[in-house]
Protein backbone atom coordinates (compact mmCIF):
# COMPACT_ATOMS: atom_id res chain seq x y z
CA MET A 1 8.37 -2.82 3.62
CA LEU A 2 7.31 -6.32 2.61
CA ASN A 3 7.84 -7.76 6.09
CA TYR A 4 6.08 -4.85 7.80
CA ALA A 5 3.08 -5.19 5.51
CA VAL A 6 2.82 -8.98 5.78
CA HIS A 7 2.98 -9.05 9.57
CA LEU A 8 0.61 -6.13 10.05
CA HIS A 9 -1.84 -7.96 7.80
CA ALA A 10 -1.35 -11.12 9.87
CA ALA A 11 -2.08 -9.08 13.01
CA GLY A 12 -5.49 -8.15 11.61
CA GLN A 13 -4.70 -4.66 10.29
CA GLU A 14 -5.98 -3.46 6.92
CA VAL A 15 -2.86 -2.86 4.85
CA ASN A 16 -2.41 -1.76 1.25
CA VAL A 17 1.02 -1.39 -0.38
CA VAL A 18 0.90 1.65 -2.66
CA LEU A 19 3.53 2.29 -5.35
CA LEU A 20 3.75 5.25 -7.68
CA TYR A 21 4.45 3.03 -10.71
CA PRO A 22 3.59 -0.65 -11.29
CA PRO A 23 6.46 -3.08 -10.71
CA ALA A 24 7.74 -5.46 -13.36
CA ALA A 25 5.44 -8.38 -14.15
CA ASP A 26 7.83 -10.89 -12.51
CA ASP A 27 8.64 -8.77 -9.45
CA GLN A 28 9.33 -11.16 -6.57
CA TYR A 29 8.21 -8.73 -3.86
CA GLN A 30 4.82 -8.14 -5.44
CA ARG A 31 4.39 -11.90 -5.77
CA ARG A 32 5.25 -12.49 -2.12
CA LEU A 33 2.86 -9.74 -0.97
CA GLN A 34 0.02 -11.17 -3.03
CA LEU A 35 0.65 -14.68 -1.71
CA ALA A 36 0.36 -13.26 1.81
CA GLY A 37 -2.97 -11.60 0.95
CA VAL A 38 -1.66 -8.02 0.94
CA PRO A 39 -3.04 -5.93 -1.98
CA VAL A 40 -0.55 -3.98 -4.09
CA THR A 41 -1.72 -0.85 -5.92
CA ALA A 42 0.04 1.40 -8.44
CA VAL A 43 -1.15 5.03 -8.45
CA VAL A 44 -0.06 5.50 -12.08
CA ALA A 45 -1.37 2.50 -13.98
CA ARG A 46 0.46 3.47 -17.16
CA SER A 47 3.29 5.90 -17.76
CA HIS A 48 4.88 5.67 -21.19
CA VAL A 49 7.63 8.07 -20.13
CA PHE A 50 8.50 5.97 -17.08
CA ARG A 51 8.52 2.76 -19.16
CA LEU A 52 10.90 4.44 -21.60
CA LEU A 53 13.18 5.58 -18.77
CA ARG A 54 13.21 2.09 -17.25
CA PHE A 55 14.15 0.63 -20.65
CA LEU A 56 16.94 3.20 -21.09
CA ARG A 57 18.26 2.47 -17.60
CA GLY A 58 18.46 -1.22 -18.45
CA VAL A 59 20.33 -0.44 -21.65
CA SER A 60 22.75 1.90 -19.90
CA SER A 61 23.52 -0.59 -17.13
CA SER A 62 24.09 -3.49 -19.51
CA VAL A 63 25.82 -1.71 -22.41
CA LEU A 64 26.76 1.92 -21.81
CA PHE A 65 28.36 1.07 -18.46
CA PHE A 66 30.99 -0.88 -20.34
CA ILE A 67 31.54 1.39 -23.34
CA PHE A 68 31.62 4.82 -21.69
CA LEU A 69 35.24 5.93 -21.54
CA LEU A 70 34.82 9.18 -19.63
CA ASN A 71 35.86 9.30 -15.98
CA HIS A 72 33.01 8.68 -13.55
CA ALA A 73 30.62 7.80 -16.37
CA PRO A 74 28.51 5.41 -14.22
CA GLN A 75 28.04 8.14 -11.60
CA ARG A 76 27.00 10.62 -14.29
CA LEU A 77 24.53 8.17 -15.75
CA ARG A 78 23.08 7.54 -12.30
CA LYS A 79 22.70 11.28 -11.66
CA LEU A 80 21.04 11.77 -15.05
CA TRP A 81 18.63 8.92 -14.23
CA GLN A 82 17.76 10.52 -10.89
CA ARG A 83 16.96 13.87 -12.49
CA LEU A 84 14.87 12.37 -15.28
CA LEU A 85 12.91 10.25 -12.81
CA ASP A 86 12.33 13.26 -10.57
CA LEU A 87 10.94 15.30 -13.47
CA THR A 88 8.76 12.39 -14.62
CA SER A 89 7.36 11.79 -11.14
CA ARG A 90 6.35 15.42 -10.71
CA LEU A 91 4.00 15.02 -13.68
CA HIS A 92 1.89 12.61 -11.62
CA TYR A 93 1.26 14.68 -8.48
CA ARG A 94 -2.41 15.21 -9.31
CA GLU A 95 -2.94 11.45 -9.82
CA CYS A 96 -1.28 10.76 -6.49
CA ARG A 97 -3.46 13.31 -4.71
CA ASN A 98 -6.61 11.98 -6.37
CA TYR A 99 -5.77 8.41 -5.30
CA LEU A 100 -5.34 9.45 -1.67
CA THR A 101 -8.52 11.53 -1.79
CA GLU A 102 -10.55 8.55 -3.00
CA ASN A 103 -9.03 5.98 -0.63
CA ARG A 104 -8.33 8.22 2.39
CA PRO A 105 -6.02 6.02 4.53
CA GLU A 106 -5.89 6.57 8.28
CA LEU A 107 -2.11 6.65 8.08
CA MET A 108 0.65 6.69 5.44
CA HIS A 109 3.84 4.78 6.29
CA VAL A 110 6.41 5.95 3.72
CA PHE A 111 9.81 4.39 3.03
CA THR A 112 13.02 5.49 1.28
CA PRO A 113 13.97 8.99 0.04
CA ASP A 114 13.06 8.50 -3.62
CA THR A 115 11.00 10.91 -5.69
CA GLY A 116 7.81 8.86 -5.41
CA ALA A 117 8.01 8.99 -1.62
CA ALA A 118 8.41 12.77 -1.66
CA LEU A 119 5.36 13.03 -3.89
CA MET A 120 3.29 10.85 -1.53
CA ILE A 121 4.37 12.89 1.50
CA ARG A 122 3.37 16.18 -0.13
CA ALA A 123 -0.02 14.85 -1.20
CA GLY A 124 -0.74 13.24 2.17
CA HIS A 125 0.17 16.37 4.09
CA GLU A 126 -2.01 18.54 1.83
CA LEU A 127 -4.99 16.23 2.53
CA GLY A 128 -4.38 16.16 6.29
CA ILE A 129 -3.43 12.45 6.38
CA PRO A 130 -0.92 11.54 9.15
CA VAL A 131 2.42 10.64 7.57
CA LEU A 132 5.11 8.46 9.15
CA TYR A 133 8.36 8.68 7.17
CA HIS A 134 10.61 5.70 7.93
CA GLU A 135 14.29 6.10 7.01
CA MET A 136 15.95 2.83 6.02
CA GLY A 137 19.50 4.17 5.60
CA THR A 138 22.20 6.10 7.39
CA ALA A 139 22.94 9.81 7.61
CA ASN A 140 26.51 8.92 6.59
CA HIS A 141 25.42 7.48 3.26
CA MET A 142 27.33 6.90 0.03
CA PRO A 143 27.87 10.08 -2.07
CA PHE A 144 25.59 9.03 -4.94
CA LEU A 145 22.55 9.33 -2.62
CA THR A 146 23.18 13.01 -1.83
CA ASP A 147 20.63 14.33 -4.35
CA TYR A 148 17.93 12.04 -2.96
CA TYR A 149 18.43 13.31 0.58
CA ARG A 150 18.59 16.92 -0.56
CA ARG A 151 15.08 16.49 -1.98
CA LEU A 152 13.91 14.58 1.08
CA GLU A 153 14.93 17.47 3.34
CA GLU A 154 12.31 19.63 1.63
CA VAL A 155 9.41 17.35 2.60
CA LEU A 156 10.44 16.04 6.03
CA PRO A 157 8.85 19.01 7.85
CA LEU A 158 5.52 17.90 6.32
CA CYS A 159 5.65 14.51 8.12
CA THR A 160 3.80 13.85 11.34
CA GLU A 161 6.68 11.74 12.62
CA VAL A 162 10.05 10.47 11.37
CA ALA A 163 11.49 7.10 12.42
CA ALA A 164 14.88 5.41 12.02
CA LEU A 165 15.94 1.78 12.36
CA SER A 166 17.98 1.98 15.58
CA PRO A 167 18.81 4.39 18.44
CA ARG A 168 22.20 5.29 16.96
CA LEU A 169 20.66 6.04 13.56
CA ALA A 170 17.91 8.12 15.18
CA SER A 171 20.59 10.27 16.81
CA GLU A 172 22.44 10.60 13.50
CA TRP A 173 19.30 11.81 11.71
CA GLU A 174 18.47 14.27 14.48
CA ARG A 175 21.91 15.82 14.00
CA ARG A 176 21.55 15.76 10.20
CA PHE A 177 18.09 17.38 10.28
CA PRO A 178 18.03 19.57 13.42
CA PHE A 179 14.64 21.04 12.44
CA LEU A 180 12.98 17.71 13.37
CA PRO A 181 11.57 17.76 16.93
CA SER A 182 12.67 14.13 17.41
CA VAL A 183 13.27 10.89 15.54
CA SER A 184 11.68 7.74 16.94
CA VAL A 185 12.97 4.18 16.55
CA LEU A 186 11.19 1.49 14.55
CA PRO A 187 13.50 -1.48 13.86
CA LEU A 188 13.54 -3.96 11.02
CA ILE A 189 11.20 -6.88 11.23
CA SER A 190 12.44 -10.26 10.01
CA GLU A 191 10.83 -13.67 10.13
CA ARG A 192 12.98 -16.71 10.75
CA THR A 193 12.20 -19.35 8.12
CA PRO A 194 12.79 -22.85 9.54
CA MET A 195 14.58 -25.41 7.38
CA PHE A 196 14.00 -28.71 9.14
CA SER A 197 15.71 -30.75 6.44
CA LEU A 198 19.00 -28.90 6.76
CA GLY A 199 21.51 -29.83 9.38
CA SER A 200 24.99 -28.39 9.77
CA GLN A 201 26.56 -27.71 6.41
CA SER A 202 30.18 -27.46 7.62
CA ARG A 203 32.80 -29.05 5.42
CA SER A 204 34.33 -32.40 6.30
CA ASP A 205 37.83 -31.06 5.55
CA GLY A 206 37.66 -28.83 8.62
CA LYS A 207 37.55 -25.53 6.76
CA VAL A 208 35.24 -22.90 8.20
CA ILE A 209 32.62 -21.45 5.84
CA PHE A 210 32.25 -17.66 5.83
CA GLY A 211 29.37 -16.06 3.94
CA PHE A 212 28.58 -12.69 2.39
CA ALA A 213 25.09 -11.80 1.07
CA ALA A 214 24.58 -8.31 -0.33
CA ARG A 215 24.82 -6.31 -3.51
CA LEU A 216 28.31 -6.56 -5.01
CA GLU A 217 29.03 -2.85 -4.99
CA GLU A 218 31.53 -0.55 -3.33
CA GLY A 219 29.42 0.35 -0.30
CA LYS A 220 29.11 -3.28 0.81
CA GLY A 221 32.88 -3.84 0.83
CA PRO A 222 33.19 -7.09 -1.19
CA LEU A 223 36.75 -6.26 -2.35
CA VAL A 224 37.79 -5.72 1.27
CA LEU A 225 36.44 -9.19 2.04
CA VAL A 226 38.42 -10.81 -0.79
CA ASP A 227 41.58 -9.03 0.39
CA ALA A 228 40.98 -10.40 3.89
CA LEU A 229 40.66 -13.91 2.43
CA VAL A 230 44.02 -13.39 0.73
CA ASN A 231 45.57 -12.53 4.12
CA ILE A 232 44.05 -15.61 5.73
CA HIS A 233 45.37 -17.96 3.07
CA ARG A 234 48.87 -16.59 3.46
CA GLU A 235 48.90 -18.24 6.89
CA ALA A 236 46.88 -21.39 6.21
CA PRO A 237 43.89 -22.38 4.01
CA LEU A 238 41.41 -22.36 6.89
CA ALA A 239 38.40 -20.80 5.24
CA ILE A 240 35.92 -21.04 2.40
CA LEU A 241 34.08 -17.87 1.33
CA ARG A 242 30.56 -18.10 -0.12
CA ILE A 243 29.24 -14.98 -1.87
CA ALA A 244 25.56 -14.41 -2.66
CA GLY A 245 24.72 -11.32 -4.65
CA ILE A 246 25.19 -9.45 -7.90
CA GLY A 247 26.04 -5.85 -8.67
CA SER A 248 28.31 -3.33 -10.33
CA GLN A 249 31.47 -4.86 -8.82
CA SER A 250 30.66 -8.50 -9.73
CA SER A 251 33.31 -8.69 -12.46
CA GLU A 252 35.90 -6.88 -10.36
CA VAL A 253 35.38 -9.22 -7.40
CA LYS A 254 35.72 -12.31 -9.61
CA ASP A 255 38.83 -10.87 -11.25
CA ARG A 256 40.38 -10.28 -7.80
CA VAL A 257 39.63 -13.87 -6.82
CA ARG A 258 41.31 -15.18 -9.99
CA GLN A 259 44.25 -12.79 -9.56
CA PHE A 260 45.11 -14.31 -6.18
CA ALA A 261 44.32 -17.89 -7.23
CA LEU A 262 41.46 -18.19 -4.73
CA SER A 263 38.94 -19.86 -7.05
CA GLU A 264 38.88 -23.06 -4.96
CA ALA A 265 38.35 -21.05 -1.77
CA CYS A 266 35.66 -18.68 -3.06
CA GLU A 267 32.21 -19.84 -4.25
CA PHE A 268 29.70 -17.57 -6.03
CA PHE A 269 26.01 -18.32 -5.56
CA GLY A 270 24.41 -15.50 -7.56
CA HIS A 271 21.30 -13.88 -6.15
CA TYR A 272 18.73 -15.78 -4.07
CA SER A 273 15.21 -14.60 -4.79
CA ASP A 274 13.05 -15.99 -1.97
CA ALA A 275 13.01 -16.68 1.75
CA LEU A 276 13.82 -20.38 1.36
CA GLY A 277 16.86 -19.62 -0.79
CA ARG A 278 18.04 -17.07 1.76
CA THR A 279 17.64 -19.49 4.64
CA ALA A 280 19.35 -22.33 2.79
CA PHE A 281 22.31 -20.06 2.09
CA MET A 282 22.52 -18.86 5.70
CA LYS A 283 22.24 -22.42 7.03
CA SER A 284 25.30 -23.39 4.96
CA LEU A 285 27.53 -20.92 6.85
CA ASP A 286 29.58 -21.01 10.02
CA VAL A 287 30.08 -17.21 10.16
CA PHE A 288 28.40 -14.32 8.34
CA VAL A 289 30.54 -11.35 7.23
CA LEU A 290 29.44 -7.90 6.05
CA PRO A 291 32.35 -5.40 5.68
CA SER A 292 30.19 -2.44 4.62
CA LEU A 293 31.53 1.08 4.21
CA ALA A 294 28.07 2.59 4.89
CA GLU A 295 24.87 0.99 6.24
CA GLY A 296 21.60 1.55 8.01
CA THR A 297 20.73 -1.72 9.72
CA PRO A 298 21.33 -4.41 7.07
CA ASN A 299 18.70 -7.08 6.56
CA SER A 300 21.34 -9.72 5.89
CA VAL A 301 22.88 -9.35 9.35
CA VAL A 302 19.46 -9.71 10.99
CA GLU A 303 18.68 -12.74 8.81
CA ALA A 304 21.96 -14.40 9.84
CA MET A 305 21.24 -13.69 13.50
CA ALA A 306 17.80 -15.29 13.13
CA GLN A 307 19.52 -18.52 12.03
CA GLY A 308 21.93 -18.47 15.00
CA ILE A 309 25.04 -17.52 13.04
CA PRO A 310 27.84 -15.39 14.55
CA ILE A 311 28.54 -12.12 12.73
CA ILE A 312 31.56 -10.06 11.71
CA ALA A 313 30.58 -6.55 10.58
CA THR A 314 31.82 -2.97 10.52
CA THR A 315 31.20 -0.13 12.97
CA VAL A 316 29.05 1.89 10.57
CA GLY A 317 25.46 3.11 10.73
CA GLY A 318 23.23 1.14 13.06
CA ILE A 319 25.33 -2.05 13.07
CA PRO A 320 26.79 -1.33 16.56
CA ASP A 321 23.18 -1.23 17.82
CA ILE A 322 22.44 -4.61 16.24
CA LEU A 323 25.48 -6.48 17.47
CA ASP A 324 27.03 -6.69 20.89
CA SER A 325 30.23 -8.48 21.87
CA ASP A 326 28.27 -11.62 22.80
CA CYS A 327 26.99 -12.29 19.30
CA GLY A 328 29.62 -10.89 16.93
CA LEU A 329 32.80 -8.98 16.22
CA LEU A 330 32.91 -5.35 15.07
CA ILE A 331 35.80 -4.03 12.97
CA PRO A 332 36.69 -0.69 11.32
CA ALA A 333 35.31 -0.16 7.81
CA GLY A 334 37.73 -0.66 4.93
CA ASN A 335 40.33 -2.50 7.03
CA ALA A 336 41.14 -5.86 5.38
CA ALA A 337 43.80 -6.71 7.98
CA ALA A 338 41.38 -6.26 10.89
CA LEU A 339 38.76 -8.31 9.04
CA ALA A 340 41.24 -11.13 8.43
CA GLU A 341 42.18 -11.11 12.12
CA ALA A 342 38.53 -11.39 13.16
CA MET A 343 37.90 -14.20 10.65
CA LEU A 344 40.95 -16.12 11.89
CA LEU A 345 39.81 -15.75 15.50
CA LEU A 346 36.44 -17.35 14.78
CA ALA A 347 37.86 -19.91 12.37
CA ARG A 348 40.11 -21.26 15.13
CA ASP A 349 37.55 -21.27 17.95
CA PRO A 350 34.44 -23.42 17.37
CA ALA A 351 33.27 -22.94 20.96
CA LEU A 352 33.25 -19.16 20.51
CA ARG A 353 31.33 -19.53 17.25
CA ALA A 354 28.71 -21.66 19.00
CA SER A 355 28.24 -19.27 21.93
CA MET A 356 28.05 -16.23 19.65
CA GLY A 357 25.54 -17.96 17.40
CA ALA A 358 23.26 -18.74 20.34
CA ALA A 359 23.52 -15.15 21.59
CA ALA A 360 22.79 -13.81 18.09
CA LYS A 361 19.61 -15.86 17.85
CA GLN A 362 18.37 -14.61 21.22
CA ARG A 363 19.17 -11.01 20.30
CA TYR A 364 17.18 -11.43 17.09
CA GLU A 365 14.18 -12.65 19.11
CA ASN A 366 14.40 -9.63 21.42
CA LEU A 367 14.88 -6.96 18.76
CA PHE A 368 13.74 -8.04 15.28
CA SER A 369 11.24 -10.89 15.49
CA PRO A 370 7.59 -10.18 14.56
CA LYS A 371 6.48 -10.66 18.16
CA ALA A 372 8.95 -7.97 19.26
CA VAL A 373 8.38 -5.41 16.49
CA VAL A 374 4.66 -5.57 15.58
CA PRO A 375 3.44 -4.28 18.99
CA LEU A 376 5.92 -1.39 18.73
CA MET A 377 4.63 -0.60 15.23
CA LEU A 378 1.04 -0.52 16.45
CA ARG A 379 1.93 1.77 19.34
CA THR A 380 3.78 4.05 16.91
CA TYR A 381 0.76 4.13 14.59
CA GLY A 382 -1.47 5.01 17.51
CA ARG A 383 0.79 7.94 18.41
CA VAL A 384 1.04 9.21 14.82
CA THR A 385 -2.73 9.04 14.22
CA ARG A 386 -3.51 10.29 17.73
CA ASN A 387 -5.80 7.30 17.99
CA GLY A 388 -3.79 5.22 20.40
CA HIS A 389 -6.85 3.51 21.88
CA GLU A 390 -7.80 1.82 18.61
CA PHE A 391 -4.32 0.45 17.95
CA ALA A 392 -3.76 -0.45 21.60
CA GLU A 393 -6.61 -2.93 21.35
CA ALA A 394 -4.47 -4.97 18.91
CA VAL A 395 -1.57 -5.09 21.36
CA SER A 396 -1.82 -7.66 24.11
CA ALA A 397 -1.36 -6.23 27.57
CA SER A 398 1.08 -9.07 28.29
CA GLU A 399 3.46 -8.01 25.47
CA SER A 400 6.50 -6.32 26.94
CA SER A 401 7.91 -3.08 25.59
CA HIS A 402 10.60 -3.27 22.92
CA PRO A 403 14.12 -2.56 24.28
CA TRP A 404 14.45 0.36 21.83
CA ALA A 405 11.01 1.85 22.48
């Protein structure tokens, strides 16, 4: 959402990011939007109930997560949180409708299947505002998201158009929701941040640096990655693994690293919070790895491609649309042996890494760069609002059509 808003604003469009509740005071995304000149508005300026729920969620994740002894306690806490948030959000429907009545946008571009999004869709539809719902995930999502998508299914028929992040994902969502006339494609947009002061960061000892950047939770497959590193080091210590991210499996991943005496081969970088930190991390890698069990089209893979880094990822969600055989290797999800084999192949072939990195960078330019995606966004907006002429004026006639259009 941040990248879409920033680049639409840069293209001369009037953009306002609207949230149901105000973010935390130190929220990095709000700060980045404001620095780019994009206004951020909260429909509900104050909600004591929501503040209480957010406090309780913080307590449960930092304390109760560790002291609950019942089976599946974290999943039960998450489900309870979802239901409480849903009930709380419904209290603010009138405020949401009043906000849209007063500000009357030409178009609402709504992301994610959370309760706030459903509320916005209902209010927008009732007021006759064109609504584009943009699905960021995959139809084959992790089980804990089931309740979210069950609620989303109720409001999707109210949308003017529904979009997914890649052709494969669009087909998945059409099968999941057959009542939709069609699902269009609107890919991620990512800006490549140059780092002129950074050269190659490869190690002088000849070891190849693999990197992982995502939440440390089951769906991203970090334990599969550590198991693959174990397999590699049984043959020869060829690789260093750098991990950026935090999450519910942080302790388990670190315990697995200690269990197999891989502390010298595995480096933890915590969570980078800005574009420069992300780019510095990516520039330190020879190969990027994301062994996800479920995905839409992951930002981290696109960010690695933008920096000219070859990719190893799984055949889930929209990843096969992102990567071709020229710029990366695709492996089955959950298969540590196949992942280790792919890592060894690239570790032993610097020429292949170089050619794949160059192909990845070019594929990023064609599919995910601002110059590729913004014209497609404007054409989509023109179709959704039935005012194609106005948006077409912002698209240069010389700009070619996106490959996924």
